[in-house]
């Protein structure tokens, strides 16, 4: 238990001082709570002795106790709430920043659902409970201990017995935590699996509906729900017996204190006033301790949640030793580069040079390594062998931010954020003016349809840009890349979803906006590749041909076959 409490304290990070203050105030609240027993003891002494009751000092002590507890409770509640929200917000930002520097392979091995579960459900549990648990558990034990010390002043024998009750309760709580440590991780894993299954189900809803599987109980989501339910019940079953043991411990010691008080009174070793005090105290003494114990049941799950969130820090990043360097120019080169996904080789000893300001088209069959080649330029992965250079420098010499300042990318699968169209276009250049955004949109052939929207450039897109067609998203993504103004532009099938009516304008826009820049594009359309300064034909991880369109057509081979098939496809007609 204390290990988890220490872990929460470490998790608080820069907000640890606020947590320390809340714990100190919680202890002060325990002192104020102990004053009520002082008032009770004073009252009983006066009543039993038959002296004149001086009510105002007693009322003063009670008012001081009440006011102190209210203030301390208010402060600790505010402090623990602020600590919980701020420390988790800081952790979420930290995770987001770290994910930028983690190899893309991490996202292949760890599904979107697992990452989403960490930053939402997992950290949500920590946000709502961690600081509160820490303060309530420690505060509850301190409160009870302070009351026990007050009772020790009244009678050391019964005070020691009350402290023994605390120690036994702590032992039962620790055993409960150990039982939960065996079932907690499984429950956490099942919860993450449930989030992943729900996300997958929602994202694939069109497929589910098209196959009429809405009520199919064999789907992964139903299995994930059942598994989560089973693991949650298993966790509860492991806790309930120890919860009963804790309650039994409290009851036994409460009764023991009352019985001993009566026995000591009967033997004449305990005055009547002290006996009455102990009888009353025996029913009130362990209330805060029970609350602390019940809250402690959440500690093991919180520990698992924090371990899961911290596990992202164990993933190696790619940006540790780089420098903030400017690129020498816009040239790109591969020097004997090898790259594999596991045991599958994608690029095998590839060497190439893309001169500054030139246009290079990469073509070839699916799975040949075209997209991987472009991703290595942006250092989404590190090479298994050889070197990729941008501006004459190895990409591993750059800090990732400085490397990406030199590269604009348009992916085949476009992602737009749930924000205004203007902010989406300005994503790579937040300081751009509205006029510059409009100019980029016009050049990318998307100004017309943006202007036709109800709120124009202030129209807020749905998540992923789901309110736009594929071609519209593609053109906004191109406008975003063009506005960034990087010396190297990489287009991954950027014109694949563009209407034939707009393709000619878009080709001209790309040509004019990338003039003087290095352009590397993955494309299959003849209009897109034929004017490139060089064409690289990639097949099976090797560059099997390179040259201009005319040179490759004269050579024959894979490129000529590729162009022939494309021409035949264009000429197809329905009879």
Foldseek 3Di string as FASTA:
>chain_A
DVVLLVVLLVLLPPLNVLLVVLLVLLLQLLLLQLLLLVLLLVQLVCVVVVHDDPVVVSVVSNVSSVVSNVVSVVSSVVSLLVSLVVSLVVLLVVLVVQVVFFFPVVCVVADPLLVVCLSPVLSVCSSVFSSVLSNLLSSLLSSLLSNLVSLCVQPVVLSVLSVVLSVVLVVLLVVLLVLLLVLLLQLSVLSSQLSRQVVVCVVCVVVCVVVVPPPPCVGSNNVSVVSNVVSVVVSVVSRVVSLVVSVVSLVVSLVVQLVVLVVCVVVVNHDPSSSVSSNVCSVVSNPSVNVSSVSSSCSSNSSSSSCSSCVSVVRDGLFDQADLDAALAAKKWWALFWAADVPHTQAGGETDIFDFQFEEEEEEDPSLCQVVVVCVQLCSDDTPDTFMDGSNHGPSNHRSVNSCLQEFEQAPQFFAAQFFLQCRLCVLPVVDDPVLLLVLLVLLVQQVVLCVDPVRRRDGADGRNVVDDPQNRLSSSSSSRLSSPHQEYEYEQSCVPHDPVCPVSNLVSVCVSNRSGYYYYYHLDCVNQQPGQKYFYGGNNYRPDMGHPVVDCVVDDDVVVSVVVVVVVVPDDDD
